[in-house]
Amino acid sequence: MIDADGEQVGVLDTREALAKAEESGLDLVEVSANAKPPVCRIMDYGKYRYEQSKKAAEAKKKQSVVEVKEIKLRPKTEKHDLDFKVKNIKKFLGRNNKVKVTLRFRGREIVYAQTIGRAVLDKVVKEIGDDGVVIQPPGMEGRQMVMMVAPNKK
């Protein structure tokens, strides 16, 4: 058992530990249940929970959330539109978001999936350059070809 000042008291019976905690006007909190014998501490449990919630909020504030943005293309997307989409991909990668590039085939366009489709996605990768890295190479999912791009860690 550890007392309110942080001093190690030693191994005590549960009733004795509860009596000491009540005597000091604080709570008896089990700190480590897996230890042999279990470690308990005399402390203000309400204050302890408040400090734990503050630490959790601080940690949550510092973490960054990675979103997956999606850019949809067609095999016959014109050069200017493709340049515009690549500019958006670079913007998303600059904000540390992953980008899912989807190339959708309609009707008989599916015949050109492995030729024109790959060429379009290769062009996108070439345009992105050093801003991003392909984490999932182009692959078919039904009638669409999908590729995942993540920001490049420099």
C-alpha atoms as a PDB file:
ATOM      1  CA  MET A   1       0.000   0.000   0.000  1.00  0.00           C
ATOM      2  CA  ILE A   2       1.087   3.559  -0.740  1.00  0.00           C
ATOM      3  CA  ASP A   3      -0.140   6.401   1.466  1.00  0.00           C
ATOM      4  CA  ALA A   4      -1.391   9.845   0.402  1.00  0.00           C
ATOM      5  CA  ASP A   5       2.139  11.348   0.475  1.00  0.00           C
ATOM      6  CA  GLY A   6       3.501   8.699  -1.911  1.00  0.00           C
ATOM      7  CA  GLU A   7       5.353   6.820   0.829  1.00  0.00           C
ATOM      8  CA  GLN A   8       5.318   3.033   0.710  1.00  0.00           C
ATOM      9  CA  VAL A   9       3.565   1.710   3.808  1.00  0.00           C
ATOM     10  CA  GLY A  10       4.006  -1.998   3.101  1.00  0.00           C
ATOM     11  CA  VAL A  11       1.701  -4.989   2.872  1.00  0.00           C
ATOM     12  CA  LEU A  12      -1.492  -4.478   4.895  1.00  0.00           C
ATOM     13  CA  ASP A  13      -4.745  -6.320   5.364  1.00  0.00           C
ATOM     14  CA  THR A  14      -7.633  -4.915   3.303  1.00  0.00           C
ATOM     15  CA  ARG A  15      -9.584  -3.830   6.404  1.00  0.00           C
ATOM     16  CA  GLU A  16      -6.522  -2.017   7.832  1.00  0.00           C
ATOM     17  CA  ALA A  17      -5.916  -0.246   4.502  1.00  0.00           C
ATOM     18  CA  LEU A  18      -9.560   0.857   4.290  1.00  0.00           C
ATOM     19  CA  ALA A  19      -9.414   2.105   7.882  1.00  0.00           C
ATOM     20  CA  LYS A  20      -6.278   4.174   7.158  1.00  0.00           C
ATOM     21  CA  ALA A  21      -7.909   5.639   4.046  1.00  0.00           C
ATOM     22  CA  GLU A  22     -11.047   6.564   5.954  1.00  0.00           C
ATOM     23  CA  GLU A  23      -8.955   8.020   8.752  1.00  0.00           C
ATOM     24  CA  SER A  24      -7.260  10.378   6.286  1.00  0.00           C
ATOM     25  CA  GLY A  25     -10.570  11.244   4.584  1.00  0.00           C
ATOM     26  CA  LEU A  26      -9.505   9.848   1.196  1.00  0.00           C
ATOM     27  CA  ASP A  27     -10.257   6.796  -0.932  1.00  0.00           C
ATOM     28  CA  LEU A  28      -8.399   3.492  -1.270  1.00  0.00           C
ATOM     29  CA  VAL A  29      -7.740   2.907  -4.976  1.00  0.00           C
ATOM     30  CA  GLU A  30      -6.314  -0.260  -6.486  1.00  0.00           C
ATOM     31  CA  VAL A  31      -3.486   0.902  -8.756  1.00  0.00           C
ATOM     32  CA  SER A  32      -2.091  -2.421  -9.976  1.00  0.00           C
ATOM     33  CA  ALA A  33      -4.362  -5.445  -9.715  1.00  0.00           C
ATOM     34  CA  ASN A  34      -1.955  -7.830 -11.479  1.00  0.00           C
ATOM     35  CA  ALA A  35       0.896  -7.378  -8.998  1.00  0.00           C
ATOM     36  CA  LYS A  36       1.467  -9.902  -6.215  1.00  0.00           C
ATOM     37  CA  PRO A  37       0.198  -8.635  -3.798  1.00  0.00           C
ATOM     38  CA  PRO A  38      -2.070  -6.026  -5.475  1.00  0.00           C
ATOM     39  CA  VAL A  39      -0.921  -2.426  -5.047  1.00  0.00           C
ATOM     40  CA  CYS A  40      -3.358   0.084  -3.536  1.00  0.00           C
ATOM     41  CA  ARG A  41      -2.983   3.785  -2.963  1.00  0.00           C
ATOM     42  CA  ILE A  42      -4.705   6.283  -0.685  1.00  0.00           C
ATOM     43  CA  MET A  43      -5.846   9.235  -2.815  1.00  0.00           C
ATOM     44  CA  ASP A  44      -8.764  11.460  -3.711  1.00  0.00           C
ATOM     45  CA  TYR A  45     -10.445   9.353  -6.397  1.00  0.00           C
ATOM     46  CA  GLY A  46     -12.503  12.237  -7.824  1.00  0.00           C
ATOM     47  CA  LYS A  47      -9.362  14.327  -8.316  1.00  0.00           C
ATOM     48  CA  TYR A  48      -7.590  11.314  -9.856  1.00  0.00           C
ATOM     49  CA  ARG A  49     -10.410  10.771 -12.387  1.00  0.00           C
ATOM     50  CA  TYR A  50     -10.403  14.481 -13.236  1.00  0.00           C
ATOM     51  CA  GLU A  51      -6.651  14.420 -13.920  1.00  0.00           C
ATOM     52  CA  GLN A  52      -7.011  11.273 -16.055  1.00  0.00           C
ATOM     53  CA  SER A  53      -9.741  12.921 -18.157  1.00  0.00           C
ATOM     54  CA  LYS A  54      -7.545  16.018 -18.591  1.00  0.00           C
ATOM     55  CA  LYS A  55      -4.630  13.839 -19.777  1.00  0.00           C
ATOM     56  CA  ALA A  56      -6.914  11.998 -22.211  1.00  0.00           C
ATOM     57  CA  ALA A  57      -8.279  15.284 -23.586  1.00  0.00           C
ATOM     58  CA  GLU A  58      -4.744  16.632 -24.026  1.00  0.00           C
ATOM     59  CA  ALA A  59      -3.655  13.477 -25.863  1.00  0.00           C
ATOM     60  CA  LYS A  60      -6.739  13.638 -28.079  1.00  0.00           C
ATOM     61  CA  LYS A  61      -6.002  17.267 -28.900  1.00  0.00           C
ATOM     62  CA  LYS A  62      -2.487  16.405 -30.082  1.00  0.00           C
ATOM     63  CA  GLN A  63      -3.442  13.467 -32.296  1.00  0.00           C
ATOM     64  CA  SER A  64      -3.960  14.004 -36.005  1.00  0.00           C
ATOM     65  CA  VAL A  65      -6.870  12.440 -37.849  1.00  0.00           C
ATOM     66  CA  VAL A  66      -6.063  11.036 -41.271  1.00  0.00           C
ATOM     67  CA  GLU A  67      -9.003  11.219 -43.638  1.00  0.00           C
ATOM     68  CA  VAL A  68      -9.380   9.345 -46.902  1.00  0.00           C
ATOM     69  CA  LYS A  69     -10.414  11.682 -49.696  1.00  0.00           C
ATOM     70  CA  GLU A  70     -11.753  10.296 -52.971  1.00  0.00           C
ATOM     71  CA  ILE A  71     -11.129  11.600 -56.476  1.00  0.00           C
ATOM     72  CA  LYS A  72     -13.279  10.098 -59.219  1.00  0.00           C
ATOM     73  CA  LEU A  73     -12.121   9.941 -62.823  1.00  0.00           C
ATOM     74  CA  ARG A  74     -13.330   8.495 -66.114  1.00  0.00           C
ATOM     75  CA  PRO A  75     -11.139   6.963 -68.829  1.00  0.00           C
ATOM     76  CA  LYS A  76     -11.930   9.816 -71.203  1.00  0.00           C
ATOM     77  CA  THR A  77     -11.295  12.658 -68.742  1.00  0.00           C
ATOM     78  CA  GLU A  78      -9.716  15.535 -70.676  1.00  0.00           C
ATOM     79  CA  LYS A  79      -6.235  16.870 -69.890  1.00  0.00           C
ATOM     80  CA  HIS A  80      -7.374  20.120 -68.244  1.00  0.00           C
ATOM     81  CA  ASP A  81      -9.836  18.287 -65.991  1.00  0.00           C
ATOM     82  CA  LEU A  82      -7.185  15.709 -65.141  1.00  0.00           C
ATOM     83  CA  ASP A  83      -4.733  18.494 -64.234  1.00  0.00           C
ATOM     84  CA  PHE A  84      -7.390  20.031 -61.982  1.00  0.00           C
ATOM     85  CA  LYS A  85      -7.998  16.683 -60.240  1.00  0.00           C
ATOM     86  CA  VAL A  86      -4.224  16.173 -59.779  1.00  0.00           C
ATOM     87  CA  LYS A  87      -4.011  19.650 -58.222  1.00  0.00           C
ATOM     88  CA  ASN A  88      -6.729  18.605 -55.737  1.00  0.00           C
ATOM     89  CA  ILE A  89      -4.897  15.356 -54.982  1.00  0.00           C
ATOM     90  CA  LYS A  90      -1.726  17.329 -54.203  1.00  0.00           C
ATOM     91  CA  LYS A  91      -3.738  19.666 -51.965  1.00  0.00           C
ATOM     92  CA  PHE A  92      -5.185  16.704 -50.023  1.00  0.00           C
ATOM     93  CA  LEU A  93      -1.760  15.087 -49.698  1.00  0.00           C
ATOM     94  CA  GLY A  94      -0.384  18.413 -48.437  1.00  0.00           C
ATOM     95  CA  ARG A  95      -2.932  18.228 -45.605  1.00  0.00           C
ATOM     96  CA  ASN A  96      -1.696  14.699 -44.721  1.00  0.00           C
ATOM     97  CA  ASN A  97      -4.821  12.971 -46.019  1.00  0.00           C
ATOM     98  CA  LYS A  98      -4.825   9.736 -47.983  1.00  0.00           C
ATOM     99  CA  VAL A  99      -6.421   9.867 -51.425  1.00  0.00           C
ATOM    100  CA  LYS A 100      -8.431   7.125 -53.100  1.00  0.00           C
ATOM    101  CA  VAL A 101      -8.283   7.588 -56.869  1.00  0.00           C
ATOM    102  CA  THR A 102     -11.248   5.859 -58.534  1.00  0.00           C
ATOM    103  CA  LEU A 103     -11.429   5.345 -62.289  1.00  0.00           C
ATOM    104  CA  ARG A 104     -14.989   4.403 -63.234  1.00  0.00           C
ATOM    105  CA  PHE A 105     -15.851   2.462 -66.383  1.00  0.00           C
ATOM    106  CA  ARG A 106     -19.339   2.567 -67.904  1.00  0.00           C
ATOM    107  CA  GLY A 107     -20.746   0.281 -70.544  1.00  0.00           C
ATOM    108  CA  ARG A 108     -18.183  -1.038 -73.035  1.00  0.00           C
ATOM    109  CA  GLU A 109     -15.403   1.116 -71.561  1.00  0.00           C
ATOM    110  CA  ILE A 110     -14.591  -1.843 -69.284  1.00  0.00           C
ATOM    111  CA  VAL A 111     -12.822  -3.460 -72.266  1.00  0.00           C
ATOM    112  CA  TYR A 112     -10.100  -0.780 -71.996  1.00  0.00           C
ATOM    113  CA  ALA A 113      -9.567  -1.146 -68.245  1.00  0.00           C
ATOM    114  CA  GLN A 114      -6.087  -2.660 -68.495  1.00  0.00           C
ATOM    115  CA  THR A 115      -4.870  -0.349 -71.274  1.00  0.00           C
ATOM    116  CA  ILE A 116      -6.412   3.124 -71.143  1.00  0.00           C
ATOM    117  CA  GLY A 117      -7.308   2.792 -67.452  1.00  0.00           C
ATOM    118  CA  ARG A 118      -3.761   1.928 -66.380  1.00  0.00           C
ATOM    119  CA  ALA A 119      -2.394   4.709 -68.585  1.00  0.00           C
ATOM    120  CA  VAL A 120      -4.636   7.309 -66.905  1.00  0.00           C
ATOM    121  CA  LEU A 121      -3.640   6.183 -63.399  1.00  0.00           C
ATOM    122  CA  ASP A 122       0.046   6.032 -64.376  1.00  0.00           C
ATOM    123  CA  LYS A 123      -0.266   9.597 -65.653  1.00  0.00           C
ATOM    124  CA  VAL A 124      -1.804  10.649 -62.321  1.00  0.00           C
ATOM    125  CA  VAL A 125       1.071   9.005 -60.400  1.00  0.00           C
ATOM    126  CA  LYS A 126       3.623  10.723 -62.643  1.00  0.00           C
ATOM    127  CA  GLU A 127       1.928  14.118 -62.123  1.00  0.00           C
ATOM    128  CA  ILE A 128       1.815  13.673 -58.327  1.00  0.00           C
ATOM    129  CA  GLY A 129       5.565  13.028 -58.313  1.00  0.00           C
ATOM    130  CA  ASP A 130       7.257  13.341 -54.926  1.00  0.00           C
ATOM    131  CA  ASP A 131       4.160  14.674 -53.134  1.00  0.00           C
ATOM    132  CA  GLY A 132       2.665  11.213 -52.685  1.00  0.00           C
ATOM    133  CA  VAL A 133       3.441   7.526 -52.702  1.00  0.00           C
ATOM    134  CA  VAL A 134       1.178   4.728 -53.975  1.00  0.00           C
ATOM    135  CA  ILE A 135       0.250   2.453 -51.078  1.00  0.00           C
ATOM    136  CA  GLN A 136      -2.264   0.340 -53.013  1.00  0.00           C
ATOM    137  CA  PRO A 137      -1.474  -0.205 -56.682  1.00  0.00           C
ATOM    138  CA  PRO A 138      -4.302   0.040 -59.236  1.00  0.00           C
ATOM    139  CA  GLY A 139      -6.718  -2.866 -59.014  1.00  0.00           C
ATOM    140  CA  MET A 140     -10.202  -3.651 -60.230  1.00  0.00           C
ATOM    141  CA  GLU A 141     -13.163  -3.513 -57.845  1.00  0.00           C
ATOM    142  CA  GLY A 142     -16.211  -4.345 -59.907  1.00  0.00           C
ATOM    143  CA  ARG A 143     -16.495  -1.776 -62.701  1.00  0.00           C
ATOM    144  CA  GLN A 144     -13.946   0.601 -61.225  1.00  0.00           C
ATOM    145  CA  MET A 145     -10.179   0.662 -60.926  1.00  0.00           C
ATOM    146  CA  VAL A 146      -9.003   1.884 -57.527  1.00  0.00           C
ATOM    147  CA  MET A 147      -5.615   3.144 -56.324  1.00  0.00           C
ATOM    148  CA  MET A 148      -4.653   4.543 -52.892  1.00  0.00           C
ATOM    149  CA  VAL A 149      -2.089   7.324 -52.504  1.00  0.00           C
ATOM    150  CA  ALA A 150      -0.611   8.497 -49.198  1.00  0.00           C
ATOM    151  CA  PRO A 151       1.432  11.607 -48.414  1.00  0.00           C
ATOM    152  CA  ASN A 152       5.160  11.176 -48.856  1.00  0.00           C
ATOM    153  CA  LYS A 153       6.996  11.266 -45.504  1.00  0.00           C
ATOM    154  CA  LYS A 154      10.077  13.390 -46.145  1.00  0.00           C
END
